[in-house]
Amino acid sequence: MKNKIFKERLKFFFFGMLVVLGILFLTGADNQTTLSNGRYQISAWGGALGAKSGAVGAFVVDTVSGEAKNVYTRTYGINDKGRVVKNNLNKHFNSYQ
C-alpha cells in the first residue's frame, strides 16, 4: 500500500515538474532582437516656453546605434506665433542634420 502511494506521488511530482518546465520553455520562446521591432522609432516631446507659449516636436531614435535626431519642431503661442521651425519627417534618418 505504501509503495503504491509513493509511486503515485512520484508520478504527480514528475508530471508537475514537466508542466513547470513546459511553461518556462514557452515563456522564454520569444527571441526577438532589436531589428525585428524596427530599427527606427519615433517619439514626441513638448514643453513650455513661458506662461502663454511652448514648443512641440518629434525625434527619431536609431535603435541599433542609439543615435537620436530631432526631426520636427513647432512653436506656439506668443513666441513666433506658431511657427514651424523644423520639419524633416519625410527624409531618411541619415539625411538629418
N, C-alpha and C. Protein backbone atom coordinates (compact mmCIF):
# COMPACT_ATOMS: atom_id res chain seq x y z
N MET A 1 0.81 -1.19 0.00
CA MET A 1 0.00 0.00 0.00
C MET A 1 0.87 1.27 0.00
N LYS A 2 1.91 1.31 0.86
CA LYS A 2 2.79 2.47 0.91
C LYS A 2 3.54 2.64 -0.39
N ASN A 3 3.93 1.56 -1.00
CA ASN A 3 4.66 1.61 -2.26
C ASN A 3 3.79 2.20 -3.36
N LYS A 4 2.50 1.88 -3.37
CA LYS A 4 1.56 2.39 -4.37
C LYS A 4 1.38 3.89 -4.20
N ILE A 5 1.24 4.37 -2.98
CA ILE A 5 1.07 5.80 -2.70
C ILE A 5 2.36 6.56 -3.10
N PHE A 6 3.52 5.97 -2.78
CA PHE A 6 4.79 6.59 -3.13
C PHE A 6 4.93 6.73 -4.65
N LYS A 7 4.58 5.68 -5.39
CA LYS A 7 4.66 5.73 -6.86
C LYS A 7 3.71 6.76 -7.44
N GLU A 8 2.53 6.88 -6.85
CA GLU A 8 1.57 7.87 -7.35
C GLU A 8 2.04 9.28 -7.07
N ARG A 9 2.59 9.53 -5.89
CA ARG A 9 3.13 10.85 -5.56
C ARG A 9 4.31 11.19 -6.47
N LEU A 10 5.16 10.21 -6.71
CA LEU A 10 6.31 10.40 -7.59
C LEU A 10 5.84 10.73 -9.02
N LYS A 11 4.80 10.05 -9.46
CA LYS A 11 4.25 10.30 -10.79
C LYS A 11 3.71 11.73 -10.88
N PHE A 12 2.98 12.21 -9.88
CA PHE A 12 2.45 13.57 -9.90
C PHE A 12 3.56 14.61 -9.76
N PHE A 13 4.60 14.28 -8.99
CA PHE A 13 5.74 15.19 -8.87
C PHE A 13 6.41 15.40 -10.22
N PHE A 14 6.70 14.30 -10.93
CA PHE A 14 7.33 14.42 -12.25
C PHE A 14 6.40 15.09 -13.26
N PHE A 15 5.10 14.83 -13.18
CA PHE A 15 4.15 15.50 -14.05
C PHE A 15 4.13 17.01 -13.78
N GLY A 16 4.18 17.40 -12.51
CA GLY A 16 4.23 18.82 -12.14
C GLY A 16 5.51 19.48 -12.62
N MET A 17 6.63 18.76 -12.49
CA MET A 17 7.90 19.29 -12.98
C MET A 17 7.87 19.47 -14.49
N LEU A 18 7.24 18.53 -15.19
CA LEU A 18 7.12 18.63 -16.64
C LEU A 18 6.28 19.85 -17.04
N VAL A 19 5.20 20.10 -16.31
CA VAL A 19 4.36 21.27 -16.58
C VAL A 19 5.14 22.56 -16.32
N VAL A 20 5.87 22.63 -15.21
CA VAL A 20 6.65 23.82 -14.89
C VAL A 20 7.72 24.07 -15.95
N LEU A 21 8.43 23.02 -16.36
CA LEU A 21 9.45 23.17 -17.40
C LEU A 21 8.84 23.59 -18.73
N GLY A 22 7.67 23.05 -19.03
CA GLY A 22 6.98 23.45 -20.26
C GLY A 22 6.62 24.92 -20.25
N ILE A 23 6.13 25.42 -19.13
CA ILE A 23 5.79 26.85 -19.01
C ILE A 23 7.04 27.71 -19.13
N LEU A 24 8.14 27.29 -18.49
CA LEU A 24 9.38 28.05 -18.59
C LEU A 24 9.90 28.09 -20.02
N PHE A 25 9.83 26.99 -20.73
CA PHE A 25 10.28 26.97 -22.12
C PHE A 25 9.39 27.84 -23.00
N LEU A 26 8.09 27.82 -22.76
CA LEU A 26 7.19 28.61 -23.59
C LEU A 26 7.32 30.10 -23.32
N THR A 27 7.58 30.51 -22.09
CA THR A 27 7.73 31.93 -21.81
C THR A 27 9.06 32.45 -22.31
N GLY A 28 10.05 31.61 -22.44
CA GLY A 28 11.35 32.02 -22.98
C GLY A 28 11.47 31.81 -24.47
N ALA A 29 10.38 31.47 -25.14
CA ALA A 29 10.45 31.13 -26.56
C ALA A 29 10.51 32.35 -27.46
N ASP A 30 10.17 33.53 -26.96
CA ASP A 30 10.16 34.73 -27.78
C ASP A 30 11.59 35.26 -27.90
N ASN A 31 12.16 35.13 -29.07
CA ASN A 31 13.56 35.50 -29.28
C ASN A 31 13.63 36.69 -30.24
N GLN A 32 13.05 37.83 -29.84
CA GLN A 32 13.06 39.00 -30.71
C GLN A 32 14.33 39.80 -30.49
N THR A 33 14.86 40.32 -31.58
CA THR A 33 16.00 41.22 -31.50
C THR A 33 15.51 42.63 -31.74
N THR A 34 16.42 43.58 -31.61
CA THR A 34 16.06 44.97 -31.84
C THR A 34 15.61 45.19 -33.28
N LEU A 35 16.24 44.51 -34.21
CA LEU A 35 15.90 44.72 -35.61
C LEU A 35 14.51 44.22 -35.96
N SER A 36 14.00 43.22 -35.23
CA SER A 36 12.67 42.73 -35.56
C SER A 36 11.58 43.69 -35.09
N ASN A 37 11.90 44.61 -34.19
CA ASN A 37 10.93 45.61 -33.73
C ASN A 37 10.99 46.88 -34.56
N GLY A 38 11.91 46.97 -35.47
CA GLY A 38 12.08 48.18 -36.26
C GLY A 38 13.32 48.92 -35.82
N ARG A 39 14.13 49.29 -36.78
CA ARG A 39 15.38 49.95 -36.42
C ARG A 39 15.14 51.38 -35.95
N TYR A 40 14.21 52.09 -36.58
CA TYR A 40 13.97 53.49 -36.23
C TYR A 40 12.65 53.62 -35.50
N GLN A 41 12.67 54.34 -34.39
CA GLN A 41 11.45 54.58 -33.62
C GLN A 41 11.29 56.08 -33.41
N ILE A 42 10.04 56.54 -33.47
CA ILE A 42 9.77 57.97 -33.34
C ILE A 42 9.10 58.22 -31.99
N SER A 43 9.43 59.36 -31.41
CA SER A 43 8.85 59.74 -30.13
C SER A 43 8.59 61.25 -30.15
N ALA A 44 7.67 61.70 -29.34
CA ALA A 44 7.29 63.12 -29.30
C ALA A 44 7.78 63.77 -28.01
N TRP A 45 7.92 65.08 -28.06
CA TRP A 45 8.30 65.85 -26.89
C TRP A 45 7.54 67.16 -26.91
N GLY A 46 7.52 67.84 -25.80
CA GLY A 46 6.86 69.14 -25.70
C GLY A 46 7.27 69.84 -24.42
N GLY A 47 7.15 71.16 -24.42
CA GLY A 47 7.50 71.90 -23.23
C GLY A 47 7.04 73.34 -23.31
N ALA A 48 6.98 73.98 -22.18
CA ALA A 48 6.54 75.37 -22.11
C ALA A 48 7.72 76.30 -22.31
N LEU A 49 7.48 77.41 -23.04
CA LEU A 49 8.49 78.45 -23.21
C LEU A 49 8.15 79.70 -22.41
N GLY A 50 7.12 79.60 -21.64
CA GLY A 50 6.65 80.72 -20.83
C GLY A 50 5.22 80.43 -20.41
N ALA A 51 4.55 81.46 -19.92
CA ALA A 51 3.18 81.27 -19.44
C ALA A 51 2.20 81.02 -20.57
N LYS A 52 2.43 81.62 -21.75
CA LYS A 52 1.46 81.51 -22.84
C LYS A 52 2.06 80.97 -24.12
N SER A 53 3.16 80.27 -24.05
CA SER A 53 3.77 79.73 -25.27
C SER A 53 4.51 78.44 -24.95
N GLY A 54 4.85 77.74 -25.99
CA GLY A 54 5.57 76.48 -25.81
C GLY A 54 6.06 75.94 -27.13
N ALA A 55 6.56 74.74 -27.10
CA ALA A 55 7.07 74.10 -28.30
C ALA A 55 6.76 72.61 -28.23
N VAL A 56 6.55 72.03 -29.39
CA VAL A 56 6.33 70.59 -29.51
C VAL A 56 7.23 70.08 -30.62
N GLY A 57 7.45 68.78 -30.61
CA GLY A 57 8.29 68.23 -31.66
C GLY A 57 8.37 66.72 -31.59
N ALA A 58 9.19 66.18 -32.46
CA ALA A 58 9.38 64.74 -32.52
C ALA A 58 10.84 64.45 -32.81
N PHE A 59 11.30 63.32 -32.32
CA PHE A 59 12.65 62.87 -32.65
C PHE A 59 12.62 61.41 -33.02
N VAL A 60 13.61 61.00 -33.78
CA VAL A 60 13.74 59.62 -34.24
C VAL A 60 14.98 59.02 -33.59
N VAL A 61 14.84 57.79 -33.10
CA VAL A 61 15.95 57.08 -32.46
C VAL A 61 16.34 55.90 -33.34
N ASP A 62 17.64 55.78 -33.62
CA ASP A 62 18.19 54.60 -34.29
C ASP A 62 18.47 53.59 -33.19
N THR A 63 17.68 52.52 -33.12
CA THR A 63 17.78 51.58 -32.01
C THR A 63 19.04 50.72 -32.07
N VAL A 64 19.73 50.70 -33.20
CA VAL A 64 20.97 49.92 -33.30
C VAL A 64 22.15 50.73 -32.76
N SER A 65 22.29 51.98 -33.22
CA SER A 65 23.43 52.79 -32.79
C SER A 65 23.12 53.63 -31.54
N GLY A 66 21.82 53.84 -31.24
CA GLY A 66 21.44 54.66 -30.09
C GLY A 66 21.40 56.14 -30.39
N GLU A 67 21.65 56.53 -31.62
CA GLU A 67 21.66 57.94 -32.01
C GLU A 67 20.23 58.47 -32.12
N ALA A 68 20.00 59.67 -31.63
CA ALA A 68 18.67 60.31 -31.70
C ALA A 68 18.82 61.64 -32.42
N LYS A 69 17.84 61.93 -33.31
CA LYS A 69 17.87 63.19 -34.05
C LYS A 69 16.50 63.85 -33.99
N ASN A 70 16.49 65.16 -33.76
CA ASN A 70 15.26 65.94 -33.75
C ASN A 70 14.80 66.13 -35.20
N VAL A 71 13.55 65.76 -35.49
CA VAL A 71 13.09 65.84 -36.87
C VAL A 71 11.94 66.82 -37.07
N TYR A 72 11.30 67.27 -36.00
CA TYR A 72 10.18 68.20 -36.14
C TYR A 72 10.11 69.08 -34.92
N THR A 73 9.96 70.38 -35.15
CA THR A 73 9.81 71.33 -34.06
C THR A 73 8.83 72.41 -34.48
N ARG A 74 7.89 72.73 -33.60
CA ARG A 74 6.93 73.81 -33.86
C ARG A 74 6.72 74.57 -32.57
N THR A 75 6.77 75.89 -32.66
CA THR A 75 6.46 76.73 -31.51
C THR A 75 5.02 77.21 -31.62
N TYR A 76 4.43 77.51 -30.49
CA TYR A 76 3.06 78.01 -30.48
C TYR A 76 2.93 79.05 -29.39
N GLY A 77 1.90 79.85 -29.51
CA GLY A 77 1.65 80.89 -28.52
C GLY A 77 2.26 82.21 -28.94
N ILE A 78 2.66 83.01 -27.97
CA ILE A 78 3.17 84.36 -28.22
C ILE A 78 4.49 84.32 -29.00
N ASN A 79 5.41 83.46 -28.60
CA ASN A 79 6.69 83.38 -29.30
C ASN A 79 6.51 82.84 -30.70
N ASP A 80 6.88 83.61 -31.71
CA ASP A 80 6.85 83.22 -33.13
C ASP A 80 5.47 82.88 -33.65
N LYS A 81 4.44 83.03 -32.89
CA LYS A 81 3.05 82.83 -33.29
C LYS A 81 2.81 81.50 -34.02
N GLY A 82 3.31 80.42 -33.51
CA GLY A 82 3.04 79.09 -34.07
C GLY A 82 3.85 78.76 -35.31
N ARG A 83 5.09 79.12 -35.34
CA ARG A 83 5.95 78.90 -36.50
C ARG A 83 6.56 77.50 -36.47
N VAL A 84 6.57 76.82 -37.63
CA VAL A 84 7.25 75.53 -37.75
C VAL A 84 8.74 75.81 -37.93
N VAL A 85 9.56 75.34 -37.01
CA VAL A 85 10.98 75.60 -37.04
C VAL A 85 11.71 74.56 -37.88
N LYS A 86 11.33 73.31 -37.75
CA LYS A 86 11.99 72.22 -38.47
C LYS A 86 10.96 71.18 -38.83
N ASN A 87 11.02 70.66 -40.06
CA ASN A 87 10.14 69.58 -40.49
C ASN A 87 10.90 68.66 -41.43
N ASN A 88 11.52 67.64 -40.88
CA ASN A 88 12.28 66.66 -41.65
C ASN A 88 11.62 65.29 -41.60
N LEU A 89 10.33 65.22 -41.39
CA LEU A 89 9.67 63.93 -41.20
C LEU A 89 9.67 63.08 -42.46
N ASN A 90 9.81 63.67 -43.64
CA ASN A 90 9.79 62.89 -44.87
C ASN A 90 11.18 62.54 -45.37
N LYS A 91 12.21 62.79 -44.60
CA LYS A 91 13.58 62.48 -45.00
C LYS A 91 14.05 61.19 -44.34
N HIS A 92 15.07 60.58 -44.92
CA HIS A 92 15.70 59.40 -44.33
C HIS A 92 16.54 59.82 -43.13
N PHE A 93 16.69 58.92 -42.18
CA PHE A 93 17.40 59.22 -40.93
C PHE A 93 18.80 59.76 -41.18
N ASN A 94 19.52 59.20 -42.13
CA ASN A 94 20.92 59.62 -42.38
C ASN A 94 21.02 61.02 -42.99
N SER A 95 19.93 61.56 -43.52
CA SER A 95 19.99 62.90 -44.13
C SER A 95 19.65 64.00 -43.12
N TYR A 96 19.29 63.66 -41.87
CA TYR A 96 19.01 64.68 -40.86
C TYR A 96 20.30 65.35 -40.43
N GLN A 97 20.19 66.62 -40.06
CA GLN A 97 21.36 67.32 -39.56
C GLN A 97 21.18 67.70 -38.12
